[in-house]
């Protein structure tokens, strides 16, 4: 079965408006910040794929271990007819689930949602060829804005992997989970991958690898601003910083100005003092009871919680109540 034409709810103009809005707000703030979604142009996606293969970066391997062990159980428990993936990218880990659902029988449709037209077009074409009995329907959209565009009907399982839920601040997470619950029917399922609280000596190197790949990934957001907005930022004038915040139990990636500078971005004249930080990502780490509590507050009931053998990463299967 061939992939269906992409359903597009985002275009280049929409993405451009969103980027300009985020830059205006973030670079005008007292503590400057940018959202992590702007890392992922073509180069940024390539760098992140490289990061996932680094020895320090445990989350991808740990989550894959959980899915490899539990995919058949997930397929049996949910008996989903439609599988929906938020922020799908290449859907590489999702193949573990797709294989299990195909073996179990009953799955009819796979719906990957991602902001990238090119990534989605490539992955849907490949998946349709590899799973000929499956209807593949790609949606170009933002999971923080387009949950109301998800297909309805049938028993659905939404998967949100990679620890991406931790990139949302607590208020944003609560809003996202509430919208997710509103988009689902009673009895539908949600599978969430979340990195767990552990020794910072394990966490920090995952965001500050010895080879410097994460540093290059972090600086890539400045290259995106230069290319898309005509900014004059010097990426090499910023040092990559990864900091563990024990109070919030999250890690922050920052870009630290190594000298005083003034830069032009849009119509903004932005000053950086030497040593001033630009926050580019927050990645929250979770305790099992925290995940369960947040899901419960949004109207979900956690049915299963699994970790990899080393207890580094958690995967929660919850049902809409």
Protein backbone atom coordinates (compact mmCIF):
# COMPACT_ATOMS: atom_id res chain seq x y z
CA UNK A 1 0.00 0.00 0.00
CA UNK A 2 1.49 3.36 -0.97
CA UNK A 3 1.73 6.33 1.39
CA UNK A 4 -1.13 8.80 1.16
CA UNK A 5 -0.39 12.43 0.20
CA UNK A 6 0.76 14.38 3.22
CA UNK A 7 -1.86 16.30 5.16
CA UNK A 8 -0.20 19.69 5.64
CA UNK A 9 -1.13 22.07 8.46
CA UNK A 10 2.21 23.89 8.48
CA UNK A 11 3.96 25.57 5.56
CA UNK A 12 7.16 27.57 5.19
CA UNK A 13 5.36 30.86 5.84
CA UNK A 14 3.79 29.51 9.02
CA UNK A 15 7.14 28.21 10.24
CA UNK A 16 8.77 31.54 9.41
CA UNK A 17 6.18 33.45 11.43
CA UNK A 18 6.64 31.07 14.35
CA UNK A 19 10.43 31.44 14.23
CA UNK A 20 10.24 35.24 14.14
CA UNK A 21 7.79 35.26 17.05
CA UNK A 22 9.95 32.97 19.18
CA UNK A 23 13.10 34.98 18.43
CA UNK A 24 11.46 38.30 19.29
CA UNK A 25 10.15 37.01 22.60
CA UNK A 26 13.15 34.89 23.56
CA UNK A 27 15.93 37.34 22.73
CA UNK A 28 14.08 40.22 24.38
CA UNK A 29 13.70 38.37 27.68
CA UNK A 30 15.83 39.10 30.74
CA UNK A 31 17.12 35.52 30.60
CA UNK A 32 17.48 35.01 26.86
CA UNK A 33 16.11 31.76 25.46
CA UNK A 34 15.15 29.96 22.27
CA UNK A 35 12.93 26.88 21.94
CA UNK A 36 14.74 23.65 21.04
CA UNK A 37 12.57 22.94 17.99
CA UNK A 38 14.73 25.35 15.95
CA UNK A 39 17.75 23.03 16.24
CA UNK A 40 16.24 20.71 13.68
CA UNK A 41 16.96 21.91 10.19
CA UNK A 42 18.57 19.32 7.90
CA UNK A 43 22.01 19.78 9.48
CA UNK A 44 20.62 19.78 12.99
CA UNK A 45 18.73 16.55 12.37
CA UNK A 46 21.90 14.93 11.03
CA UNK A 47 23.82 16.04 14.12
CA UNK A 48 21.14 14.73 16.46
CA UNK A 49 21.18 11.36 14.71
CA UNK A 50 24.92 11.33 15.35
CA UNK A 51 24.36 12.24 19.01
CA UNK A 52 22.05 9.25 19.50
CA UNK A 53 24.92 6.94 18.54
CA UNK A 54 27.48 8.48 20.91
CA UNK A 55 28.64 6.38 23.88
CA UNK A 56 27.57 9.09 26.37
CA UNK A 57 24.02 9.39 25.01
CA UNK A 58 22.11 6.65 26.81
CA UNK A 59 18.43 7.72 26.28
CA UNK A 60 17.99 6.32 22.76
CA UNK A 61 19.57 2.96 23.60
CA UNK A 62 17.68 2.67 26.88
CA UNK A 63 14.30 3.50 25.35
CA UNK A 64 14.96 1.11 22.47
CA UNK A 65 15.69 -1.64 25.02
CA UNK A 66 12.31 -1.07 26.67
CA UNK A 67 10.44 -1.10 23.37
CA UNK A 68 12.27 -4.21 22.16
CA UNK A 69 11.23 -6.05 25.32
CA UNK A 70 7.69 -4.72 25.64
CA UNK A 71 6.44 -4.12 22.09
CA UNK A 72 4.47 -7.38 21.93
CA UNK A 73 2.89 -6.65 25.31
CA UNK A 74 1.94 -3.14 24.18
CA UNK A 75 0.32 -4.51 21.03
CA UNK A 76 -1.61 -7.11 23.04
CA UNK A 77 -2.76 -4.71 25.75
CA UNK A 78 -3.89 -1.89 23.47
CA UNK A 79 -5.12 -3.86 20.44
CA UNK A 80 -4.91 -0.51 18.63
CA UNK A 81 -6.32 -0.09 15.14
CA UNK A 82 -4.56 3.25 14.60
CA UNK A 83 -1.04 4.09 15.76
CA UNK A 84 -0.16 7.81 15.89
CA UNK A 85 3.37 9.08 16.49
CA UNK A 86 4.06 12.66 17.60
CA UNK A 87 7.36 14.20 16.47
CA UNK A 88 8.02 11.13 14.39
CA UNK A 89 11.25 12.03 12.56
CA UNK A 90 12.43 8.85 10.86
CA UNK A 91 10.16 6.62 13.02
CA UNK A 92 13.16 4.33 13.54
CA UNK A 93 12.31 3.10 17.05
CA UNK A 94 8.64 2.94 16.09
CA UNK A 95 9.41 0.02 13.80
CA UNK A 96 9.75 -2.14 16.92
CA UNK A 97 6.11 -1.36 17.68
CA UNK A 98 4.95 -1.64 14.07
CA UNK A 99 6.55 -5.07 13.79
CA UNK A 100 4.79 -6.22 16.96
CA UNK A 101 1.42 -4.87 15.82
CA UNK A 102 1.79 -6.48 12.40
CA UNK A 103 2.53 -9.83 14.05
CA UNK A 104 -0.47 -9.41 16.34
CA UNK A 105 -2.77 -8.36 13.49
CA UNK A 106 -5.48 -5.71 13.59
CA UNK A 107 -3.47 -2.52 13.04
CA UNK A 108 -4.77 -0.72 9.98
CA UNK A 109 -3.26 2.77 9.99
CA UNK A 110 -0.03 4.46 11.02
CA UNK A 111 -0.08 8.25 11.35
CA UNK A 112 3.28 9.98 11.86
CA UNK A 113 3.10 13.72 12.72
CA UNK A 114 6.15 15.94 12.28
CA UNK A 115 6.99 19.56 11.40
CA UNK A 116 9.34 18.57 8.57
CA UNK A 117 7.76 18.00 5.16
CA UNK A 118 10.91 16.46 3.71
CA UNK A 119 11.53 14.10 6.64
CA UNK A 120 7.90 13.02 6.68
CA UNK A 121 7.70 12.48 2.94
CA UNK A 122 10.78 10.28 3.05
CA UNK A 123 9.69 8.25 6.09
CA UNK A 124 6.11 7.68 4.92
CA UNK A 125 7.28 6.46 1.52
CA UNK A 126 9.75 4.05 3.13
CA UNK A 127 7.28 2.80 5.74
CA UNK A 128 4.53 2.23 3.19
CA UNK A 129 6.95 0.10 1.15
CA UNK A 130 8.15 -1.84 4.21
CA UNK A 131 4.65 -2.42 5.63
CA UNK A 132 2.53 -3.02 2.52
CA UNK A 133 -0.61 -3.94 4.44
CA UNK A 134 -0.60 -0.69 6.42
CA UNK A 135 -2.24 2.60 5.53
CA UNK A 136 0.37 5.34 6.14
CA UNK A 137 -1.02 8.85 6.54
CA UNK A 138 1.54 11.57 7.33
CA UNK A 139 0.51 14.84 8.99
CA UNK A 140 2.76 17.90 8.77
CA UNK A 141 2.02 19.73 12.00
CA UNK A 142 3.21 20.84 15.43
CA UNK A 143 2.21 18.54 18.29
CA UNK A 144 1.71 21.58 20.55
CA UNK A 145 -0.85 23.06 18.12
CA UNK A 146 -2.42 20.42 15.90
CA UNK A 147 -3.63 17.60 18.13
CA UNK A 148 -7.16 18.40 17.02
CA UNK A 149 -6.16 17.25 13.51
CA UNK A 150 -5.46 13.67 14.56
CA UNK A 151 -7.64 11.02 12.91
CA UNK A 152 -10.68 9.90 14.88
CA UNK A 153 -12.44 6.57 15.21
CA UNK A 154 -11.20 3.12 16.08
CA UNK A 155 -9.03 2.25 19.04
CA UNK A 156 -6.03 4.62 18.98
CA UNK A 157 -2.57 4.51 20.51
CA UNK A 158 -0.59 7.77 20.50
CA UNK A 159 3.15 7.42 21.05
CA UNK A 160 5.42 10.24 22.22
CA UNK A 161 8.95 8.92 22.44
CA UNK A 162 12.52 10.10 22.93
CA UNK A 163 11.97 11.96 26.20
CA UNK A 164 10.61 14.91 24.19
CA UNK A 165 7.96 15.45 26.86
CA UNK A 166 10.82 16.70 29.07
CA UNK A 167 11.55 19.56 26.67
CA UNK A 168 8.27 21.15 27.75
CA UNK A 169 8.29 23.29 30.87
CA UNK A 170 5.88 22.09 33.61
CA UNK A 171 3.08 24.50 32.62
CA UNK A 172 3.56 23.61 28.95
CA UNK A 173 3.48 19.89 29.81
CA UNK A 174 0.23 20.27 31.71
CA UNK A 175 -1.32 22.13 28.77
CA UNK A 176 -0.03 19.59 26.27
CA UNK A 177 -1.32 16.59 28.23
CA UNK A 178 -4.71 18.26 28.72
CA UNK A 179 -4.97 18.90 24.97
CA UNK A 180 -3.84 15.35 24.31
CA UNK A 181 -6.59 14.01 26.55
CA UNK A 182 -9.16 16.25 24.84
CA UNK A 183 -8.11 14.84 21.45
CA UNK A 184 -8.69 11.24 22.56
CA UNK A 185 -11.75 9.19 23.43
CA UNK A 186 -12.24 7.25 26.64
CA UNK A 187 -10.27 4.03 26.28
CA UNK A 188 -7.68 5.36 23.83
CA UNK A 189 -4.03 4.87 24.78
CA UNK A 190 -0.94 7.05 25.22
CA UNK A 191 2.64 5.74 25.34
CA UNK A 192 5.19 8.21 26.71
CA UNK A 193 8.97 7.85 26.92
CA UNK A 194 10.62 9.90 29.68
CA UNK A 195 14.18 10.10 30.92
CA UNK A 196 14.51 9.37 34.64
CA UNK A 197 16.24 11.19 37.48
CA UNK A 198 19.64 9.66 38.16
CA UNK A 199 23.20 10.61 39.02
CA UNK A 200 24.09 13.88 37.23
CA UNK A 201 27.44 12.26 36.41
CA UNK A 202 25.48 10.06 33.98
CA UNK A 203 23.11 12.76 32.70
CA UNK A 204 25.47 15.66 32.02
CA UNK A 205 27.87 13.86 29.64
CA UNK A 206 24.88 12.88 27.49
CA UNK A 207 24.50 16.60 26.78
CA UNK A 208 28.19 17.47 26.68
CA UNK A 209 29.96 14.65 24.85
CA UNK A 210 33.71 14.41 24.55
CA UNK A 211 33.65 14.59 20.74
CA UNK A 212 31.84 17.95 20.77
CA UNK A 213 28.91 16.81 18.62
CA UNK A 214 26.33 18.21 21.05
CA UNK A 215 28.20 21.52 21.14
CA UNK A 216 27.98 21.73 17.35
CA UNK A 217 24.29 20.77 17.52
CA UNK A 218 23.67 23.52 20.08
CA UNK A 219 25.44 26.19 18.01
CA UNK A 220 23.49 25.11 14.94
CA UNK A 221 20.48 27.09 16.17
CA UNK A 222 22.50 30.27 15.64
CA UNK A 223 23.24 29.22 12.07
CA UNK A 224 19.51 28.70 11.55
CA UNK A 225 18.88 32.29 12.71
CA UNK A 226 21.62 33.61 10.44
CA UNK A 227 20.25 31.79 7.41
CA UNK A 228 16.52 32.26 7.97
CA UNK A 229 16.49 35.74 9.51
CA UNK A 230 19.64 37.37 8.15
CA UNK A 231 21.13 37.61 11.63
CA UNK A 232 24.84 38.24 12.15
CA UNK A 233 25.50 35.89 15.08
CA UNK A 234 28.97 34.35 15.32
CA UNK A 235 28.43 30.75 16.45
CA UNK A 236 32.09 30.35 17.37
CA UNK A 237 31.80 33.22 19.85
CA UNK A 238 29.49 31.09 22.02
CA UNK A 239 30.56 28.21 24.23
CA UNK A 240 28.33 25.16 24.70
CA UNK A 241 27.23 24.68 28.32
CA UNK A 242 25.23 21.83 29.90
CA UNK A 243 24.06 22.46 33.48
CA UNK A 244 22.19 20.19 35.89
CA UNK A 245 19.54 22.03 37.93
CA UNK A 246 18.94 19.91 41.06
CA UNK A 247 15.97 21.99 42.22
CA UNK A 248 13.95 21.45 39.04
CA UNK A 249 15.59 18.11 38.21
CA UNK A 250 16.32 19.09 34.66
CA UNK A 251 19.33 19.78 32.50
CA UNK A 252 19.71 23.03 30.61
CA UNK A 253 21.66 23.50 27.43
CA UNK A 254 22.97 27.01 27.01
CA UNK A 255 25.14 29.02 24.69
CA UNK A 256 27.48 31.30 26.65
CA UNK A 257 28.87 34.47 25.09
CA UNK A 258 32.66 34.38 25.31
CA UNK A 259 33.01 38.13 24.75
CA UNK A 260 30.77 41.19 24.81
CA UNK A 261 28.91 41.62 21.52
CA UNK A 262 25.97 43.25 19.84
CA UNK A 263 24.10 41.41 17.12
CA UNK A 264 21.28 42.21 14.73
CA UNK A 265 18.37 39.79 14.55
CA UNK A 266 15.27 40.95 12.66
CA UNK A 267 14.88 44.56 13.81
CA UNK A 268 16.35 43.80 17.24
CA UNK A 269 19.70 45.10 18.46
CA UNK A 270 20.63 42.37 20.93
CA UNK A 271 23.46 42.81 23.40
CA UNK A 272 25.36 39.97 25.07
CA UNK A 273 27.68 40.55 27.99
CA UNK A 274 30.73 38.34 28.31
CA UNK A 275 29.59 35.21 30.13
CA UNK A 276 25.88 35.81 29.43
CA UNK A 277 23.85 32.69 28.66
CA UNK A 278 21.25 32.01 25.99
CA UNK A 279 19.15 29.00 27.07
CA UNK A 280 18.39 26.70 24.15
CA UNK A 281 16.89 23.62 25.80
CA UNK A 282 15.43 22.33 29.03
CA UNK A 283 15.33 18.55 29.38
CA UNK A 284 13.42 17.49 32.47
CA UNK A 285 14.12 14.17 34.13
CA UNK A 286 11.28 12.37 35.89
CA UNK A 287 10.50 10.17 38.83
CA UNK A 288 7.92 7.42 38.16
CA UNK A 289 5.43 8.94 40.59
CA UNK A 290 5.85 12.31 38.88
CA UNK A 291 4.96 10.93 35.47
CA UNK A 292 1.96 9.09 36.89
CA UNK A 293 0.77 12.20 38.73
CA UNK A 294 0.99 14.45 35.68
CA UNK A 295 -0.87 11.93 33.53
CA UNK A 296 -3.53 11.49 36.22
CA UNK A 297 -4.05 15.25 36.46
CA UNK A 298 -4.67 15.37 32.71
CA UNK A 299 -7.27 12.59 32.78
CA UNK A 300 -5.13 9.54 32.01
CA UNK A 301 -4.66 6.40 34.08
CA UNK A 302 -1.20 4.86 34.01
CA UNK A 303 -1.57 1.12 33.34
CA UNK A 304 2.06 0.06 32.94
CA UNK A 305 5.49 1.54 33.69
CA UNK A 306 8.64 -0.08 32.35
CA UNK A 307 12.34 0.74 32.45
CA UNK A 308 15.44 -0.59 30.74
CA UNK A 309 17.57 -3.06 32.75
CA UNK A 310 19.69 -0.22 34.18
CA UNK A 311 16.70 1.89 35.22
CA UNK A 312 17.81 4.87 33.15
CA UNK A 313 14.70 5.53 31.07
CA UNK A 314 11.00 4.99 31.64
CA UNK A 315 8.14 4.19 29.29
CA UNK A 316 4.59 4.66 30.57
CA UNK A 317 1.47 3.21 28.96
CA UNK A 318 -1.61 5.18 30.03
CA UNK A 319 -5.27 5.05 29.09
CA UNK A 320 -7.68 7.95 28.66
CA UNK A 321 -10.24 7.81 31.46
